[in-house]
């Protein structure tokens, strides 16, 4: 009887630990499910780029005329010569080789 009591007493902490871990895992899974449902129920605003942005493979989104030699290949400035102005009718335009 004493040996049985010692075995039960020795296993009690691990059994309680497993039980508490399962409860915590179930609570975490439920909270995650609720968070996913609340995000999917919300309609997020769509992201629209200005029409002058264009996607170039390997570079990303750029503004301005990508065929120009002076294009900065950036989504913030158009080129080194005319960074903020429009590309149409630019006197410095040179086609890239």
C-alpha atoms as a PDB file:
ATOM      1  CA  UNK A   1       0.000   0.000   0.000  1.00  0.00           C
ATOM      2  CA  UNK A   2       2.869   2.382   0.786  1.00  0.00           C
ATOM      3  CA  UNK A   3       4.499   1.716  -2.592  1.00  0.00           C
ATOM      4  CA  UNK A   4       1.220   2.452  -4.370  1.00  0.00           C
ATOM      5  CA  UNK A   5       0.864   5.715  -2.453  1.00  0.00           C
ATOM      6  CA  UNK A   6       4.422   6.751  -3.384  1.00  0.00           C
ATOM      7  CA  UNK A   7       3.806   5.985  -7.091  1.00  0.00           C
ATOM      8  CA  UNK A   8       0.546   7.947  -7.115  1.00  0.00           C
ATOM      9  CA  UNK A   9       2.166  10.841  -5.269  1.00  0.00           C
ATOM     10  CA  UNK A  10       5.073  10.830  -7.747  1.00  0.00           C
ATOM     11  CA  UNK A  11       2.817  10.804 -10.823  1.00  0.00           C
ATOM     12  CA  UNK A  12       0.364  13.444  -9.592  1.00  0.00           C
ATOM     13  CA  UNK A  13       2.437  16.515 -10.611  1.00  0.00           C
ATOM     14  CA  UNK A  14       2.990  15.241 -14.160  1.00  0.00           C
ATOM     15  CA  UNK A  15      -0.682  14.313 -14.570  1.00  0.00           C
ATOM     16  CA  UNK A  16      -1.736  17.763 -13.334  1.00  0.00           C
ATOM     17  CA  UNK A  17       0.804  19.384 -15.645  1.00  0.00           C
ATOM     18  CA  UNK A  18      -0.499  17.500 -18.686  1.00  0.00           C
ATOM     19  CA  UNK A  19      -4.090  18.376 -17.789  1.00  0.00           C
ATOM     20  CA  UNK A  20      -3.246  22.091 -17.373  1.00  0.00           C
ATOM     21  CA  UNK A  21      -1.276  22.156 -20.650  1.00  0.00           C
ATOM     22  CA  UNK A  22      -4.224  20.656 -22.531  1.00  0.00           C
ATOM     23  CA  UNK A  23      -6.589  23.256 -21.056  1.00  0.00           C
ATOM     24  CA  UNK A  24      -4.207  26.088 -21.956  1.00  0.00           C
ATOM     25  CA  UNK A  25      -3.806  24.730 -25.488  1.00  0.00           C
ATOM     26  CA  UNK A  26      -7.576  24.484 -25.943  1.00  0.00           C
ATOM     27  CA  UNK A  27      -8.000  28.062 -24.726  1.00  0.00           C
ATOM     28  CA  UNK A  28      -5.273  29.289 -27.081  1.00  0.00           C
ATOM     29  CA  UNK A  29      -6.849  27.469 -30.030  1.00  0.00           C
ATOM     30  CA  UNK A  30     -10.242  28.997 -29.232  1.00  0.00           C
ATOM     31  CA  UNK A  31      -8.777  32.499 -28.968  1.00  0.00           C
ATOM     32  CA  UNK A  32      -6.952  32.009 -32.277  1.00  0.00           C
ATOM     33  CA  UNK A  33     -10.149  30.831 -33.950  1.00  0.00           C
ATOM     34  CA  UNK A  34     -12.045  33.866 -32.638  1.00  0.00           C
ATOM     35  CA  UNK A  35      -9.287  36.219 -33.805  1.00  0.00           C
ATOM     36  CA  UNK A  36      -9.302  34.715 -37.303  1.00  0.00           C
ATOM     37  CA  UNK A  37     -13.089  34.963 -37.484  1.00  0.00           C
ATOM     38  CA  UNK A  38     -13.093  38.600 -36.364  1.00  0.00           C
ATOM     39  CA  UNK A  39     -10.460  39.558 -38.952  1.00  0.00           C
ATOM     40  CA  UNK A  40     -12.195  37.692 -41.771  1.00  0.00           C
ATOM     41  CA  UNK A  41     -15.536  39.315 -40.894  1.00  0.00           C
ATOM     42  CA  UNK A  42     -14.054  42.801 -41.122  1.00  0.00           C
ATOM     43  CA  UNK A  43     -13.841  44.320 -44.583  1.00  0.00           C
ATOM     44  CA  UNK A  44     -10.466  45.937 -45.060  1.00  0.00           C
ATOM     45  CA  UNK A  45     -10.101  48.897 -47.424  1.00  0.00           C
ATOM     46  CA  UNK A  46      -8.590  47.983 -50.752  1.00  0.00           C
ATOM     47  CA  UNK A  47      -5.154  49.298 -51.585  1.00  0.00           C
ATOM     48  CA  UNK A  48      -4.967  51.312 -54.812  1.00  0.00           C
ATOM     49  CA  UNK A  49      -1.756  52.616 -56.326  1.00  0.00           C
ATOM     50  CA  UNK A  50      -1.733  55.802 -58.367  1.00  0.00           C
ATOM     51  CA  UNK A  51      -1.948  55.137 -62.122  1.00  0.00           C
ATOM     52  CA  UNK A  52       1.652  56.240 -62.672  1.00  0.00           C
ATOM     53  CA  UNK A  53       2.962  53.275 -60.638  1.00  0.00           C
ATOM     54  CA  UNK A  54       3.892  50.262 -62.702  1.00  0.00           C
ATOM     55  CA  UNK A  55       5.319  46.934 -61.652  1.00  0.00           C
ATOM     56  CA  UNK A  56       8.666  45.912 -63.151  1.00  0.00           C
ATOM     57  CA  UNK A  57       9.832  42.331 -62.609  1.00  0.00           C
ATOM     58  CA  UNK A  58      12.936  42.210 -60.415  1.00  0.00           C
ATOM     59  CA  UNK A  59      12.654  45.880 -59.442  1.00  0.00           C
ATOM     60  CA  UNK A  60       9.168  46.302 -57.966  1.00  0.00           C
ATOM     61  CA  UNK A  61       6.823  49.269 -58.339  1.00  0.00           C
ATOM     62  CA  UNK A  62       8.340  52.308 -60.038  1.00  0.00           C
ATOM     63  CA  UNK A  63       6.971  55.667 -61.093  1.00  0.00           C
ATOM     64  CA  UNK A  64       7.773  57.543 -64.244  1.00  0.00           C
ATOM     65  CA  UNK A  65       8.820  56.262 -67.647  1.00  0.00           C
ATOM     66  CA  UNK A  66      10.906  53.133 -67.079  1.00  0.00           C
ATOM     67  CA  UNK A  67      12.282  53.287 -70.611  1.00  0.00           C
ATOM     68  CA  UNK A  68      14.096  56.569 -69.802  1.00  0.00           C
ATOM     69  CA  UNK A  69      17.822  56.412 -69.092  1.00  0.00           C
ATOM     70  CA  UNK A  70      17.450  58.705 -66.062  1.00  0.00           C
ATOM     71  CA  UNK A  71      14.619  56.804 -64.352  1.00  0.00           C
ATOM     72  CA  UNK A  72      15.486  56.300 -60.667  1.00  0.00           C
ATOM     73  CA  UNK A  73      13.798  52.873 -60.523  1.00  0.00           C
ATOM     74  CA  UNK A  74      12.079  53.982 -57.338  1.00  0.00           C
ATOM     75  CA  UNK A  75       8.510  54.306 -56.127  1.00  0.00           C
ATOM     76  CA  UNK A  76       9.309  57.715 -54.584  1.00  0.00           C
ATOM     77  CA  UNK A  77      11.201  59.737 -57.219  1.00  0.00           C
ATOM     78  CA  UNK A  78      10.909  59.570 -60.967  1.00  0.00           C
ATOM     79  CA  UNK A  79      14.425  60.425 -62.109  1.00  0.00           C
ATOM     80  CA  UNK A  80      17.600  62.330 -61.262  1.00  0.00           C
ATOM     81  CA  UNK A  81      16.862  65.146 -63.716  1.00  0.00           C
ATOM     82  CA  UNK A  82      13.159  65.739 -63.033  1.00  0.00           C
ATOM     83  CA  UNK A  83      12.337  63.969 -59.738  1.00  0.00           C
ATOM     84  CA  UNK A  84       8.857  65.399 -59.131  1.00  0.00           C
ATOM     85  CA  UNK A  85       7.674  66.544 -62.523  1.00  0.00           C
ATOM     86  CA  UNK A  86       5.806  64.585 -65.154  1.00  0.00           C
ATOM     87  CA  UNK A  87       7.734  62.467 -67.629  1.00  0.00           C
ATOM     88  CA  UNK A  88       5.566  63.513 -70.565  1.00  0.00           C
ATOM     89  CA  UNK A  89       7.349  66.160 -72.600  1.00  0.00           C
ATOM     90  CA  UNK A  90      10.562  66.101 -70.508  1.00  0.00           C
ATOM     91  CA  UNK A  91      13.410  67.711 -72.453  1.00  0.00           C
ATOM     92  CA  UNK A  92      15.982  65.434 -70.801  1.00  0.00           C
ATOM     93  CA  UNK A  93      14.376  62.155 -71.934  1.00  0.00           C
ATOM     94  CA  UNK A  94      16.863  59.659 -73.355  1.00  0.00           C
ATOM     95  CA  UNK A  95      15.853  56.142 -74.222  1.00  0.00           C
ATOM     96  CA  UNK A  96      17.727  53.442 -72.368  1.00  0.00           C
ATOM     97  CA  UNK A  97      20.064  51.296 -74.422  1.00  0.00           C
END
